[in-house]
Amino acid sequence: IRVKLPANYRIAAHSHPSDEIVTVLSGSLMVGMGDKLDPTKVKGFPAGSVVVAPANTNHFVLTKQPTVIQVSAIGPLAFNYVNPADDPSKK
């Protein structure tokens, strides 16, 4: 899938049942590993970067500017939020 994320966007800590491969097409994606979104624990990935989140590994993302990413995974792509209350599909 290809996704355009707005500036200052956040995706809470989650995992996927299969490896997730993210290519940053424009902007910059900030990615951190762990069970809770912590802006002090992110690493920036500029356009052209490829980020791999292994299956069942909790991670979180945020942006500081509009960012376009392409996500590849063996589907269906599922989001398993650490805190179920963070799942936007349940709101």
Protein backbone atom coordinates (compact mmCIF):
# COMPACT_ATOMS: atom_id res chain seq x y z
CA ILE A 1 0.00 0.00 0.00
CA ARG A 2 1.06 3.61 -0.48
CA VAL A 3 0.15 6.08 2.26
CA LYS A 4 0.47 9.84 2.62
CA LEU A 5 0.87 10.77 6.28
CA PRO A 6 0.31 14.39 7.32
CA ALA A 7 2.80 16.38 9.42
CA ASN A 8 2.74 15.59 13.14
CA TYR A 9 1.00 12.24 12.59
CA ARG A 10 1.42 9.41 15.09
CA ILE A 11 0.74 5.71 14.97
CA ALA A 12 0.74 4.15 18.44
CA ALA A 13 2.76 1.05 19.36
CA HIS A 14 1.65 -1.94 17.33
CA SER A 15 2.90 -5.06 15.59
CA HIS A 16 2.04 -7.06 12.48
CA PRO A 17 1.75 -10.85 12.04
CA SER A 18 4.25 -10.74 9.15
CA ASP A 19 7.35 -8.69 8.38
CA GLU A 20 6.58 -5.12 7.33
CA ILE A 21 8.84 -3.42 4.79
CA VAL A 22 8.43 0.36 4.55
CA THR A 23 10.04 2.48 1.84
CA VAL A 24 10.08 6.22 2.52
CA LEU A 25 9.21 7.90 -0.80
CA SER A 26 9.18 11.51 0.43
CA GLY A 27 9.48 13.35 3.71
CA SER A 28 10.92 11.61 6.75
CA LEU A 29 9.53 8.80 8.88
CA MET A 30 10.43 8.58 12.55
CA VAL A 31 10.37 4.99 13.85
CA GLY A 32 10.85 3.61 17.35
CA MET A 33 10.73 0.15 18.84
CA GLY A 34 8.85 -0.70 22.01
CA ASP A 35 5.51 -1.03 23.73
CA LYS A 36 4.67 2.68 24.02
CA LEU A 37 5.04 5.65 21.65
CA ASP A 38 8.04 7.61 22.97
CA PRO A 39 9.20 10.51 20.75
CA THR A 40 12.61 10.47 22.47
CA LYS A 41 13.28 6.94 21.20
CA VAL A 42 12.74 7.37 17.47
CA LYS A 43 15.21 7.28 14.62
CA GLY A 44 14.63 9.35 11.50
CA PHE A 45 14.51 7.75 8.08
CA PRO A 46 14.65 10.23 5.16
CA ALA A 47 13.31 9.70 1.64
CA GLY A 48 14.97 6.71 0.01
CA SER A 49 15.22 4.75 3.26
CA VAL A 50 13.90 1.24 3.74
CA VAL A 51 12.74 0.18 7.20
CA VAL A 52 11.97 -3.43 8.17
CA ALA A 53 9.81 -4.21 11.19
CA PRO A 54 10.04 -7.95 11.90
CA ALA A 55 6.81 -9.87 12.49
CA ASN A 56 5.33 -9.54 15.98
CA THR A 57 7.76 -6.76 16.99
CA ASN A 58 6.16 -3.73 18.65
CA HIS A 59 7.02 -0.42 17.01
CA PHE A 60 5.58 3.07 16.56
CA VAL A 61 5.91 5.88 14.03
CA LEU A 62 5.51 9.60 13.82
CA THR A 63 6.09 12.36 11.30
CA LYS A 64 7.23 15.96 11.56
CA GLN A 65 6.40 16.80 7.94
CA PRO A 66 4.10 15.33 5.27
CA THR A 67 5.53 11.92 4.39
CA VAL A 68 4.71 9.35 1.72
CA ILE A 69 5.53 5.71 2.43
CA GLN A 70 5.05 2.44 0.62
CA VAL A 71 4.33 -0.59 2.81
CA SER A 72 4.97 -4.15 1.66
CA ALA A 73 3.99 -7.25 3.62
CA ILE A 74 2.52 -10.67 3.13
CA GLY A 75 -1.17 -9.99 3.52
CA PRO A 76 -3.55 -9.39 4.75
CA LEU A 77 -1.79 -6.54 6.54
CA ALA A 78 -3.04 -6.42 10.13
CA PHE A 79 -2.31 -3.96 12.93
CA ASN A 80 -2.21 -5.39 16.46
CA TYR A 81 -2.10 -2.44 18.86
CA VAL A 82 -0.33 -2.93 22.20
CA ASN A 83 -3.12 -0.90 23.81
CA PRO A 84 -6.42 -1.82 22.12
CA ALA A 85 -7.75 1.67 22.94
CA ASP A 86 -5.19 3.10 20.46
CA ASP A 87 -6.78 1.25 17.54
CA PRO A 88 -8.43 3.96 15.40
CA SER A 89 -10.73 1.41 13.72
CA LYS A 90 -12.45 0.89 17.09
CA LYS A 91 -13.36 4.58 17.53
